[in-house]
Amino acid sequence: TKARLISIAEQLFAEKGIDVVSVGEINRTAGQKNRSALQYHFGTKEQLIDAILEKHLMKIDFRRHKMIDEFEREGSTDIRKIVEAIVLPLLDNMDDPDGGLAYIRIVAQIIGRPEYPYLKREDIKKSFSSDRLVRILEKNLPGLTDPQILLRTYLVPVMLFHSLADFDILKRLYKKNGGMDRSEFVENLIDSIEAVLSCKVSSE
């Protein structure tokens, strides 16, 4: 029951938006005769969203930590390799039929929203690879002040999740302008994120 509620909820949130979908609609779509099923298993809608995020973060982080381990063993300071470790595990997860694309679209909706603080909690930051990536970036972006690093690392998930969530729309736009396949889209996204992180600080 718990797994089905998560599966139904992530699809509804992705298709309609988290603000539109009610607890009652999730229960009904999941075929729950007990109107309190969702509250029993998760408590609130926000806690259900936490469960969806954690389900996918565990899988994403497994691959991301392996990529980080590899370039740390190599002693690499290549910013592009760091960016690939940010992007590629998310892309793999997006292909997961068990709600991968839905997860991307849900996170795109909640980035920066104070009522969904899951991704900012200290215990989550310490447990997952995002905090490890930030520490690596701090070492490999010399000459940047803490506020500059903070802003650049904040911009990355905004660019990343919205671009991936809107891939189908962007693909149609690319088609009108000569076409771009998925691999070109991904490499362009990696290029763009690398540029944001490593661009020269202006005199202004």
N, C-alpha and C. Protein backbone atom coordinates (compact mmCIF):
# COMPACT_ATOMS: atom_id res chain seq x y z
N THR A 1 0.83 -1.21 0.00
CA THR A 1 0.00 0.00 0.00
C THR A 1 0.86 1.25 0.00
N LYS A 2 1.90 1.24 0.84
CA LYS A 2 2.78 2.40 0.93
C LYS A 2 3.48 2.67 -0.41
N ALA A 3 4.00 1.60 -1.03
CA ALA A 3 4.68 1.75 -2.32
C ALA A 3 3.72 2.23 -3.41
N ARG A 4 2.48 1.74 -3.39
CA ARG A 4 1.50 2.16 -4.40
C ARG A 4 1.13 3.63 -4.20
N LEU A 5 0.97 4.07 -2.98
CA LEU A 5 0.67 5.48 -2.72
C LEU A 5 1.79 6.38 -3.23
N ILE A 6 3.03 5.97 -3.01
CA ILE A 6 4.17 6.75 -3.52
C ILE A 6 4.14 6.80 -5.04
N SER A 7 3.91 5.65 -5.67
CA SER A 7 3.90 5.58 -7.13
C SER A 7 2.80 6.45 -7.74
N ILE A 8 1.60 6.36 -7.18
CA ILE A 8 0.48 7.16 -7.68
C ILE A 8 0.73 8.65 -7.43
N ALA A 9 1.22 8.97 -6.25
CA ALA A 9 1.45 10.37 -5.89
C ALA A 9 2.49 11.01 -6.80
N GLU A 10 3.59 10.32 -7.05
CA GLU A 10 4.63 10.95 -7.86
C GLU A 10 4.14 11.19 -9.30
N GLN A 11 3.31 10.31 -9.83
CA GLN A 11 2.77 10.54 -11.16
C GLN A 11 1.79 11.71 -11.19
N LEU A 12 0.92 11.78 -10.19
CA LEU A 12 -0.04 12.88 -10.13
C LEU A 12 0.66 14.21 -9.91
N PHE A 13 1.64 14.24 -9.00
CA PHE A 13 2.38 15.49 -8.75
C PHE A 13 3.11 15.95 -10.01
N ALA A 14 3.68 15.01 -10.74
CA ALA A 14 4.44 15.36 -11.95
C ALA A 14 3.53 15.87 -13.05
N GLU A 15 2.34 15.25 -13.18
CA GLU A 15 1.44 15.61 -14.28
C GLU A 15 0.62 16.86 -13.99
N LYS A 16 0.16 17.00 -12.74
CA LYS A 16 -0.78 18.09 -12.42
C LYS A 16 -0.16 19.20 -11.58
N GLY A 17 0.88 18.88 -10.83
CA GLY A 17 1.49 19.86 -9.93
C GLY A 17 1.16 19.55 -8.48
N ILE A 18 2.14 19.76 -7.62
CA ILE A 18 1.96 19.39 -6.22
C ILE A 18 0.91 20.25 -5.51
N ASP A 19 0.69 21.46 -5.98
CA ASP A 19 -0.30 22.32 -5.34
C ASP A 19 -1.73 21.93 -5.70
N VAL A 20 -1.88 21.30 -6.85
CA VAL A 20 -3.22 20.97 -7.36
C VAL A 20 -3.72 19.64 -6.79
N VAL A 21 -2.82 18.70 -6.63
CA VAL A 21 -3.21 17.34 -6.22
C VAL A 21 -3.46 17.29 -4.72
N SER A 22 -4.60 16.77 -4.33
CA SER A 22 -4.96 16.67 -2.92
C SER A 22 -4.67 15.27 -2.38
N VAL A 23 -4.63 15.19 -1.07
CA VAL A 23 -4.48 13.89 -0.40
C VAL A 23 -5.61 12.96 -0.80
N GLY A 24 -6.83 13.49 -0.86
CA GLY A 24 -8.00 12.69 -1.23
C GLY A 24 -7.88 12.11 -2.63
N GLU A 25 -7.36 12.92 -3.58
CA GLU A 25 -7.21 12.43 -4.95
C GLU A 25 -6.20 11.30 -5.01
N ILE A 26 -5.13 11.41 -4.26
CA ILE A 26 -4.12 10.34 -4.24
C ILE A 26 -4.73 9.05 -3.70
N ASN A 27 -5.47 9.16 -2.59
CA ASN A 27 -6.12 7.97 -2.01
C ASN A 27 -7.08 7.32 -3.01
N ARG A 28 -7.90 8.15 -3.67
CA ARG A 28 -8.88 7.62 -4.62
C ARG A 28 -8.21 6.95 -5.81
N THR A 29 -7.21 7.61 -6.38
CA THR A 29 -6.52 7.07 -7.56
C THR A 29 -5.79 5.79 -7.23
N ALA A 30 -5.30 5.69 -6.00
CA ALA A 30 -4.61 4.48 -5.56
C ALA A 30 -5.57 3.36 -5.18
N GLY A 31 -6.90 3.65 -5.26
CA GLY A 31 -7.90 2.64 -4.97
C GLY A 31 -8.05 2.33 -3.50
N GLN A 32 -7.74 3.32 -2.65
CA GLN A 32 -7.83 3.12 -1.21
C GLN A 32 -9.24 3.46 -0.70
N LYS A 33 -9.91 2.47 -0.17
CA LYS A 33 -11.24 2.72 0.40
C LYS A 33 -11.13 3.48 1.72
N ASN A 34 -10.03 3.27 2.41
CA ASN A 34 -9.78 3.99 3.66
C ASN A 34 -9.28 5.40 3.33
N ARG A 35 -10.08 6.40 3.64
CA ARG A 35 -9.72 7.77 3.30
C ARG A 35 -8.51 8.29 4.07
N SER A 36 -8.15 7.58 5.11
CA SER A 36 -7.00 8.01 5.93
C SER A 36 -5.73 7.22 5.62
N ALA A 37 -5.72 6.47 4.51
CA ALA A 37 -4.58 5.60 4.20
C ALA A 37 -3.28 6.40 4.08
N LEU A 38 -3.35 7.50 3.36
CA LEU A 38 -2.13 8.28 3.16
C LEU A 38 -1.64 8.88 4.47
N GLN A 39 -2.58 9.43 5.25
CA GLN A 39 -2.20 10.00 6.55
C GLN A 39 -1.61 8.93 7.46
N TYR A 40 -2.13 7.72 7.39
CA TYR A 40 -1.64 6.62 8.24
C TYR A 40 -0.19 6.29 7.90
N HIS A 41 0.12 6.22 6.60
CA HIS A 41 1.45 5.79 6.18
C HIS A 41 2.48 6.92 6.18
N PHE A 42 2.04 8.16 5.93
CA PHE A 42 3.00 9.25 5.76
C PHE A 42 2.76 10.45 6.66
N GLY A 43 1.56 10.66 7.11
CA GLY A 43 1.23 11.82 7.93
C GLY A 43 0.67 12.95 7.09
N THR A 44 1.54 13.69 6.41
CA THR A 44 1.10 14.84 5.62
C THR A 44 1.57 14.70 4.17
N LYS A 45 1.06 15.59 3.32
CA LYS A 45 1.49 15.59 1.92
C LYS A 45 2.98 15.91 1.83
N GLU A 46 3.45 16.82 2.68
CA GLU A 46 4.87 17.18 2.68
C GLU A 46 5.74 15.97 3.03
N GLN A 47 5.28 15.17 4.00
CA GLN A 47 6.05 13.97 4.38
C GLN A 47 6.01 12.91 3.29
N LEU A 48 4.92 12.86 2.53
CA LEU A 48 4.85 11.97 1.37
C LEU A 48 5.87 12.40 0.32
N ILE A 49 5.98 13.69 0.10
CA ILE A 49 6.98 14.20 -0.85
C ILE A 49 8.38 13.85 -0.38
N ASP A 50 8.62 13.96 0.92
CA ASP A 50 9.91 13.54 1.48
C ASP A 50 10.22 12.09 1.11
N ALA A 51 9.21 11.23 1.23
CA ALA A 51 9.39 9.81 0.94
C ALA A 51 9.71 9.58 -0.54
N ILE A 52 9.06 10.35 -1.42
CA ILE A 52 9.34 10.25 -2.85
C ILE A 52 10.78 10.66 -3.13
N LEU A 53 11.20 11.78 -2.55
CA LEU A 53 12.56 12.26 -2.78
C LEU A 53 13.59 11.25 -2.29
N GLU A 54 13.36 10.71 -1.11
CA GLU A 54 14.33 9.78 -0.53
C GLU A 54 14.42 8.50 -1.37
N LYS A 55 13.29 8.04 -1.89
CA LYS A 55 13.28 6.84 -2.74
C LYS A 55 14.25 7.00 -3.91
N HIS A 56 14.25 8.16 -4.53
CA HIS A 56 15.09 8.38 -5.71
C HIS A 56 16.51 8.81 -5.34
N LEU A 57 16.65 9.58 -4.28
CA LEU A 57 17.99 10.03 -3.88
C LEU A 57 18.91 8.87 -3.55
N MET A 58 18.36 7.84 -2.95
CA MET A 58 19.18 6.68 -2.60
C MET A 58 19.81 6.07 -3.86
N LYS A 59 19.01 5.93 -4.92
CA LYS A 59 19.51 5.33 -6.16
C LYS A 59 20.50 6.26 -6.87
N ILE A 60 20.18 7.54 -6.91
CA ILE A 60 21.05 8.52 -7.56
C ILE A 60 22.39 8.58 -6.86
N ASP A 61 22.35 8.59 -5.55
CA ASP A 61 23.58 8.74 -4.78
C ASP A 61 24.50 7.53 -4.89
N PHE A 62 23.93 6.34 -5.08
CA PHE A 62 24.75 5.14 -5.21
C PHE A 62 25.72 5.30 -6.38
N ARG A 63 25.20 5.75 -7.53
CA ARG A 63 26.07 5.94 -8.70
C ARG A 63 26.96 7.17 -8.51
N ARG A 64 26.42 8.22 -7.95
CA ARG A 64 27.19 9.46 -7.83
C ARG A 64 28.42 9.27 -6.93
N HIS A 65 28.23 8.57 -5.82
CA HIS A 65 29.37 8.32 -4.93
C HIS A 65 30.45 7.50 -5.65
N LYS A 66 30.05 6.54 -6.49
CA LYS A 66 31.02 5.75 -7.23
C LYS A 66 31.82 6.63 -8.20
N MET A 67 31.14 7.59 -8.84
CA MET A 67 31.83 8.49 -9.76
C MET A 67 32.78 9.41 -9.00
N ILE A 68 32.34 9.90 -7.85
CA ILE A 68 33.20 10.77 -7.04
C ILE A 68 34.42 10.00 -6.56
N ASP A 69 34.20 8.77 -6.10
CA ASP A 69 35.30 7.93 -5.64
C ASP A 69 36.34 7.75 -6.74
N GLU A 70 35.86 7.56 -7.97
CA GLU A 70 36.76 7.31 -9.09
C GLU A 70 37.65 8.51 -9.38
N PHE A 71 37.04 9.71 -9.50
CA PHE A 71 37.92 10.83 -9.83
C PHE A 71 38.74 11.31 -8.64
N GLU A 72 38.32 10.97 -7.42
CA GLU A 72 39.19 11.26 -6.28
C GLU A 72 40.40 10.32 -6.26
N ARG A 73 40.20 9.04 -6.64
CA ARG A 73 41.32 8.10 -6.75
C ARG A 73 42.32 8.57 -7.80
N GLU A 74 41.79 9.12 -8.89
CA GLU A 74 42.65 9.61 -9.97
C GLU A 74 43.33 10.93 -9.60
N GLY A 75 42.86 11.57 -8.53
CA GLY A 75 43.40 12.88 -8.16
C GLY A 75 42.99 13.96 -9.14
N SER A 76 41.86 13.77 -9.82
CA SER A 76 41.42 14.71 -10.86
C SER A 76 40.90 16.01 -10.25
N THR A 77 41.20 17.10 -10.93
CA THR A 77 40.64 18.40 -10.56
C THR A 77 39.82 18.96 -11.73
N ASP A 78 39.44 18.08 -12.63
CA ASP A 78 38.69 18.47 -13.83
C ASP A 78 37.25 18.81 -13.43
N ILE A 79 36.87 20.09 -13.58
CA ILE A 79 35.53 20.53 -13.22
C ILE A 79 34.47 19.77 -14.02
N ARG A 80 34.79 19.46 -15.27
CA ARG A 80 33.80 18.74 -16.10
C ARG A 80 33.46 17.38 -15.51
N LYS A 81 34.44 16.68 -14.96
CA LYS A 81 34.16 15.38 -14.34
C LYS A 81 33.25 15.54 -13.12
N ILE A 82 33.44 16.62 -12.40
CA ILE A 82 32.57 16.90 -11.25
C ILE A 82 31.14 17.15 -11.75
N VAL A 83 31.03 17.93 -12.82
CA VAL A 83 29.70 18.23 -13.38
C VAL A 83 29.05 16.96 -13.90
N GLU A 84 29.82 16.09 -14.53
CA GLU A 84 29.26 14.82 -15.01
C GLU A 84 28.71 14.00 -13.85
N ALA A 85 29.39 14.06 -12.69
CA ALA A 85 28.90 13.33 -11.51
C ALA A 85 27.62 13.95 -10.96
N ILE A 86 27.40 15.22 -11.25
CA ILE A 86 26.14 15.86 -10.86
C ILE A 86 25.02 15.46 -11.81
N VAL A 87 25.32 15.47 -13.12
CA VAL A 87 24.28 15.33 -14.14
C VAL A 87 23.94 13.88 -14.47
N LEU A 88 24.94 13.06 -14.73
CA LEU A 88 24.68 11.73 -15.32
C LEU A 88 23.88 10.79 -14.42
N PRO A 89 24.12 10.75 -13.09
CA PRO A 89 23.25 9.90 -12.27
C PRO A 89 21.79 10.32 -12.30
N LEU A 90 21.54 11.63 -12.39
CA LEU A 90 20.16 12.11 -12.51
C LEU A 90 19.55 11.68 -13.83
N LEU A 91 20.35 11.73 -14.88
CA LEU A 91 19.87 11.34 -16.20
C LEU A 91 19.53 9.86 -16.22
N ASP A 92 20.38 9.03 -15.61
CA ASP A 92 20.09 7.60 -15.52
C ASP A 92 18.78 7.37 -14.77
N ASN A 93 18.61 8.08 -13.68
CA ASN A 93 17.39 7.91 -12.88
C ASN A 93 16.15 8.37 -13.65
N MET A 94 16.32 9.37 -14.49
CA MET A 94 15.20 9.88 -15.28
C MET A 94 14.63 8.80 -16.20
N ASP A 95 15.47 7.84 -16.59
CA ASP A 95 15.04 6.75 -17.46
C ASP A 95 14.39 5.61 -16.70
N ASP A 96 14.42 5.67 -15.38
CA ASP A 96 13.84 4.60 -14.56
C ASP A 96 12.31 4.64 -14.69
N PRO A 97 11.70 3.55 -15.18
CA PRO A 97 10.23 3.56 -15.33
C PRO A 97 9.49 3.67 -14.01
N ASP A 98 10.19 3.42 -12.91
CA ASP A 98 9.56 3.53 -11.59
C ASP A 98 9.64 4.97 -11.07
N GLY A 99 9.07 5.89 -11.86
CA GLY A 99 8.91 7.27 -11.40
C GLY A 99 10.11 8.17 -11.60
N GLY A 100 11.06 7.77 -12.45
CA GLY A 100 12.28 8.57 -12.62
C GLY A 100 12.02 9.96 -13.15
N LEU A 101 11.25 10.07 -14.24
CA LEU A 101 10.94 11.38 -14.81
C LEU A 101 10.04 12.18 -13.87
N ALA A 102 9.13 11.50 -13.20
CA ALA A 102 8.25 12.17 -12.24
C ALA A 102 9.08 12.84 -11.14
N TYR A 103 10.10 12.14 -10.64
CA TYR A 103 10.97 12.71 -9.61
C TYR A 103 11.60 14.02 -10.09
N ILE A 104 12.12 14.03 -11.32
CA ILE A 104 12.74 15.23 -11.87
C ILE A 104 11.74 16.38 -11.89
N ARG A 105 10.52 16.09 -12.33
CA ARG A 105 9.51 17.15 -12.45
C ARG A 105 9.02 17.63 -11.09
N ILE A 106 9.02 16.75 -10.10
CA ILE A 106 8.62 17.16 -8.75
C ILE A 106 9.68 18.08 -8.14
N VAL A 107 10.95 17.68 -8.25
CA VAL A 107 12.02 18.51 -7.68
C VAL A 107 12.06 19.87 -8.37
N ALA A 108 11.81 19.90 -9.68
CA ALA A 108 11.78 21.19 -10.40
C ALA A 108 10.71 22.12 -9.81
N GLN A 109 9.63 21.54 -9.31
CA GLN A 109 8.56 22.35 -8.72
C GLN A 109 8.92 22.88 -7.34
N ILE A 110 9.72 22.14 -6.58
CA ILE A 110 9.91 22.50 -5.17
C ILE A 110 11.22 23.20 -4.86
N ILE A 111 12.12 23.30 -5.83
CA ILE A 111 13.39 23.97 -5.58
C ILE A 111 13.14 25.40 -5.10
N GLY A 112 13.71 25.70 -3.95
CA GLY A 112 13.61 27.05 -3.41
C GLY A 112 12.35 27.34 -2.62
N ARG A 113 11.45 26.36 -2.51
CA ARG A 113 10.21 26.61 -1.77
C ARG A 113 10.41 26.30 -0.29
N PRO A 114 10.17 27.28 0.59
CA PRO A 114 10.47 27.09 2.01
C PRO A 114 9.62 26.03 2.69
N GLU A 115 8.45 25.73 2.13
CA GLU A 115 7.59 24.73 2.79
C GLU A 115 8.05 23.30 2.53
N TYR A 116 9.05 23.12 1.67
CA TYR A 116 9.62 21.80 1.41
C TYR A 116 11.12 21.84 1.68
N PRO A 117 11.49 21.83 2.95
CA PRO A 117 12.91 22.02 3.30
C PRO A 117 13.74 20.75 3.28
N TYR A 118 13.19 19.65 2.76
CA TYR A 118 13.84 18.34 2.85
C TYR A 118 15.30 18.40 2.37
N LEU A 119 15.52 18.98 1.20
CA LEU A 119 16.84 18.96 0.60
C LEU A 119 17.84 19.84 1.34
N LYS A 120 17.36 20.68 2.25
CA LYS A 120 18.26 21.58 2.97
C LYS A 120 18.56 21.10 4.39
N ARG A 121 17.89 20.04 4.84
CA ARG A 121 18.09 19.57 6.20
C ARG A 121 19.51 19.08 6.40
N GLU A 122 20.06 19.38 7.56
CA GLU A 122 21.46 19.04 7.82
C GLU A 122 21.72 17.54 7.76
N ASP A 123 20.78 16.73 8.26
CA ASP A 123 21.01 15.29 8.23
C ASP A 123 21.01 14.75 6.81
N ILE A 124 20.19 15.35 5.94
CA ILE A 124 20.15 14.93 4.55
C ILE A 124 21.43 15.37 3.84
N LYS A 125 21.85 16.60 4.08
CA LYS A 125 23.07 17.11 3.44
C LYS A 125 24.27 16.25 3.78
N LYS A 126 24.33 15.78 5.02
CA LYS A 126 25.47 14.97 5.45
C LYS A 126 25.40 13.56 4.91
N SER A 127 24.19 13.07 4.65
CA SER A 127 24.01 11.70 4.21
C SER A 127 24.19 11.53 2.71
N PHE A 128 23.86 12.55 1.95
CA PHE A 128 23.83 12.41 0.50
C PHE A 128 24.99 13.12 -0.17
N SER A 129 25.18 12.84 -1.45
CA SER A 129 26.39 13.24 -2.16
C SER A 129 26.44 14.72 -2.49
N SER A 130 25.32 15.43 -2.43
CA SER A 130 25.33 16.84 -2.80
C SER A 130 26.30 17.63 -1.92
N ASP A 131 26.34 17.32 -0.63
CA ASP A 131 27.25 18.02 0.27
C ASP A 131 28.70 17.68 -0.08
N ARG A 132 28.95 16.43 -0.43
CA ARG A 132 30.30 16.01 -0.83
C ARG A 132 30.74 16.74 -2.10
N LEU A 133 29.83 16.89 -3.04
CA LEU A 133 30.14 17.60 -4.28
C LEU A 133 30.46 19.07 -4.02
N VAL A 134 29.70 19.70 -3.14
CA VAL A 134 29.96 21.11 -2.82
C VAL A 134 31.35 21.27 -2.23
N ARG A 135 31.74 20.37 -1.33
CA ARG A 135 33.08 20.46 -0.73
C ARG A 135 34.17 20.29 -1.78
N ILE A 136 33.96 19.40 -2.74
CA ILE A 136 34.93 19.20 -3.83
C ILE A 136 35.01 20.45 -4.70
N LEU A 137 33.86 21.03 -5.00
CA LEU A 137 33.84 22.24 -5.82
C LEU A 137 34.57 23.39 -5.12
N GLU A 138 34.38 23.51 -3.82
CA GLU A 138 35.05 24.58 -3.07
C GLU A 138 36.57 24.47 -3.20
N LYS A 139 37.07 23.23 -3.24
CA LYS A 139 38.52 23.03 -3.37
C LYS A 139 39.01 23.30 -4.80
N ASN A 140 38.12 23.11 -5.77
CA ASN A 140 38.53 23.19 -7.17
C ASN A 140 38.07 24.46 -7.88
N LEU A 141 37.54 25.40 -7.13
CA LEU A 141 37.16 26.71 -7.70
C LEU A 141 37.93 27.80 -6.95
N PRO A 142 39.24 27.83 -7.11
CA PRO A 142 40.04 28.81 -6.37
C PRO A 142 39.74 30.24 -6.82
N GLY A 143 39.87 31.15 -5.88
CA GLY A 143 39.67 32.56 -6.21
C GLY A 143 38.24 33.04 -6.05
N LEU A 144 37.32 32.13 -5.74
CA LEU A 144 35.93 32.54 -5.54
C LEU A 144 35.67 32.74 -4.05
N THR A 145 34.89 33.74 -3.73
CA THR A 145 34.49 33.96 -2.35
C THR A 145 33.37 32.99 -1.99
N ASP A 146 33.12 32.84 -0.71
CA ASP A 146 32.03 31.96 -0.27
C ASP A 146 30.68 32.37 -0.86
N PRO A 147 30.32 33.68 -0.88
CA PRO A 147 29.04 34.05 -1.51
C PRO A 147 28.97 33.70 -2.99
N GLN A 148 30.11 33.83 -3.70
CA GLN A 148 30.11 33.49 -5.13
C GLN A 148 29.91 31.99 -5.33
N ILE A 149 30.57 31.18 -4.51
CA ILE A 149 30.40 29.72 -4.61
C ILE A 149 28.96 29.34 -4.25
N LEU A 150 28.42 29.97 -3.21
CA LEU A 150 27.05 29.67 -2.79
C LEU A 150 26.06 29.95 -3.91
N LEU A 151 26.18 31.09 -4.56
CA LEU A 151 25.24 31.44 -5.63
C LEU A 151 25.39 30.49 -6.81
N ARG A 152 26.62 30.19 -7.19
CA ARG A 152 26.83 29.32 -8.34
C ARG A 152 26.31 27.91 -8.08
N THR A 153 26.55 27.39 -6.88
CA THR A 153 26.06 26.04 -6.58
C THR A 153 24.54 26.04 -6.39
N TYR A 154 23.95 27.18 -6.06
CA TYR A 154 22.49 27.26 -6.00
C TYR A 154 21.90 27.25 -7.41
N LEU A 155 22.58 27.91 -8.35
CA LEU A 155 22.07 27.99 -9.72
C LEU A 155 22.08 26.62 -10.41
N VAL A 156 23.02 25.76 -10.02
CA VAL A 156 23.16 24.48 -10.72
C VAL A 156 21.90 23.62 -10.67
N PRO A 157 21.34 23.33 -9.48
CA PRO A 157 20.12 22.50 -9.50
C PRO A 157 18.94 23.17 -10.17
N VAL A 158 18.88 24.50 -10.12
CA VAL A 158 17.79 25.21 -10.81
C VAL A 158 17.89 24.95 -12.31
N MET A 159 19.08 25.17 -12.87
CA MET A 159 19.30 24.90 -14.30
C MET A 159 19.05 23.43 -14.63
N LEU A 160 19.61 22.56 -13.80
CA LEU A 160 19.61 21.14 -14.09
C LEU A 160 18.21 20.55 -14.09
N PHE A 161 17.47 20.76 -13.01
CA PHE A 161 16.16 20.11 -12.89
C PHE A 161 15.14 20.71 -13.85
N HIS A 162 15.19 22.02 -14.06
CA HIS A 162 14.23 22.61 -14.99
C HIS A 162 14.54 22.20 -16.43
N SER A 163 15.82 22.11 -16.77
CA SER A 163 16.18 21.68 -18.13
C SER A 163 15.74 20.24 -18.38
N LEU A 164 16.01 19.34 -17.42
CA LEU A 164 15.63 17.94 -17.59
C LEU A 164 14.10 17.78 -17.60
N ALA A 165 13.43 18.53 -16.72
CA ALA A 165 11.97 18.43 -16.65
C ALA A 165 11.32 18.90 -17.95
N ASP A 166 11.96 19.86 -18.62
CA ASP A 166 11.41 20.43 -19.85
C ASP A 166 12.06 19.85 -21.11
N PHE A 167 12.73 18.71 -20.97
CA PHE A 167 13.46 18.16 -22.11
C PHE A 167 12.56 17.95 -23.32
N ASP A 168 11.36 17.42 -23.11
CA ASP A 168 10.46 17.16 -24.25
C ASP A 168 10.10 18.46 -24.97
N ILE A 169 9.88 19.53 -24.20
CA ILE A 169 9.57 20.83 -24.81
C ILE A 169 10.79 21.34 -25.58
N LEU A 170 11.97 21.27 -24.95
CA LEU A 170 13.19 21.74 -25.59
C LEU A 170 13.49 20.94 -26.85
N LYS A 171 13.21 19.64 -26.80
CA LYS A 171 13.46 18.78 -27.96
C LYS A 171 12.64 19.24 -29.16
N ARG A 172 11.38 19.63 -28.89
CA ARG A 172 10.53 20.12 -29.99
C ARG A 172 11.07 21.43 -30.55
N LEU A 173 11.58 22.30 -29.67
CA LEU A 173 12.16 23.56 -30.12
C LEU A 173 13.41 23.30 -30.96
N TYR A 174 14.23 22.35 -30.52
CA TYR A 174 15.44 22.01 -31.27
C TYR A 174 15.07 21.49 -32.66
N LYS A 175 13.99 20.71 -32.74
CA LYS A 175 13.58 20.12 -34.00
C LYS A 175 13.27 21.21 -35.03
N LYS A 176 12.67 22.31 -34.55
CA LYS A 176 12.34 23.42 -35.45
C LYS A 176 13.59 24.13 -35.96
N ASN A 177 14.69 23.95 -35.20
CA ASN A 177 15.92 24.67 -35.55
C ASN A 177 17.03 23.71 -36.00
N GLY A 178 16.64 22.66 -36.69
CA GLY A 178 17.64 21.76 -37.24
C GLY A 178 17.84 20.48 -36.45
N GLY A 179 17.27 20.41 -35.25
CA GLY A 179 17.31 19.18 -34.49
C GLY A 179 18.49 19.06 -33.54
N MET A 180 18.26 18.40 -32.42
CA MET A 180 19.31 18.06 -31.47
C MET A 180 18.89 16.80 -30.75
N ASP A 181 19.74 15.79 -30.77
CA ASP A 181 19.36 14.55 -30.11
C ASP A 181 19.70 14.64 -28.62
N ARG A 182 19.35 13.58 -27.90
CA ARG A 182 19.50 13.61 -26.45
C ARG A 182 20.95 13.76 -26.01
N SER A 183 21.85 13.07 -26.69
CA SER A 183 23.26 13.15 -26.30
C SER A 183 23.79 14.57 -26.45
N GLU A 184 23.39 15.25 -27.52
CA GLU A 184 23.80 16.65 -27.71
C GLU A 184 23.20 17.54 -26.62
N PHE A 185 21.95 17.27 -26.28
CA PHE A 185 21.30 18.03 -25.21
C PHE A 185 22.06 17.87 -23.90
N VAL A 186 22.43 16.64 -23.57
CA VAL A 186 23.13 16.37 -22.31
C VAL A 186 24.49 17.05 -22.29
N GLU A 187 25.25 16.93 -23.39
CA GLU A 187 26.58 17.55 -23.42
C GLU A 187 26.47 19.08 -23.35
N ASN A 188 25.46 19.63 -23.97
CA ASN A 188 25.23 21.08 -23.91
C ASN A 188 24.88 21.51 -22.49
N LEU A 189 24.09 20.69 -21.80
CA LEU A 189 23.72 20.97 -20.41
C LEU A 189 24.96 20.92 -19.52
N ILE A 190 25.81 19.91 -19.71
CA ILE A 190 27.04 19.81 -18.93
C ILE A 190 27.95 21.00 -19.21
N ASP A 191 28.07 21.38 -20.50
CA ASP A 191 28.86 22.56 -20.85
C ASP A 191 28.36 23.80 -20.11
N SER A 192 27.05 23.97 -20.09
CA SER A 192 26.45 25.17 -19.50
C SER A 192 26.68 25.23 -17.99
N ILE A 193 26.52 24.08 -17.32
CA ILE A 193 26.73 24.04 -15.87
C ILE A 193 28.21 24.26 -15.54
N GLU A 194 29.09 23.65 -16.34
CA GLU A 194 30.53 23.86 -16.14
C GLU A 194 30.87 25.35 -16.28
N ALA A 195 30.27 26.00 -17.27
CA ALA A 195 30.53 27.42 -17.48
C ALA A 195 30.06 28.27 -16.29
N VAL A 196 28.90 27.95 -15.76
CA VAL A 196 28.39 28.69 -14.60
C VAL A 196 29.32 28.55 -13.40
N LEU A 197 29.80 27.35 -13.18
CA LEU A 197 30.64 27.10 -12.00
C LEU A 197 32.03 27.71 -12.14
N SER A 198 32.59 27.68 -13.34
CA SER A 198 34.00 28.01 -13.47
C SER A 198 34.29 29.31 -14.20
N CYS A 199 33.26 30.06 -14.58
CA CYS A 199 33.51 31.28 -15.35
C CYS A 199 34.32 32.28 -14.51
N LYS A 200 35.08 33.10 -15.22
CA LYS A 200 35.94 34.10 -14.60
C LYS A 200 35.08 35.16 -13.90
N VAL A 201 35.52 35.58 -12.74
CA VAL A 201 34.81 36.63 -12.01
C VAL A 201 35.07 37.97 -12.68
N SER A 202 34.04 38.70 -13.00
CA SER A 202 34.20 39.99 -13.66
C SER A 202 34.71 41.05 -12.69
N SER A 203 35.22 42.12 -13.21
CA SER A 203 35.70 43.22 -12.36
C SER A 203 34.53 43.85 -11.60
N GLU A 204 33.34 43.84 -12.19
CA GLU A 204 32.16 44.39 -11.51
C GLU A 204 31.80 43.57 -10.29
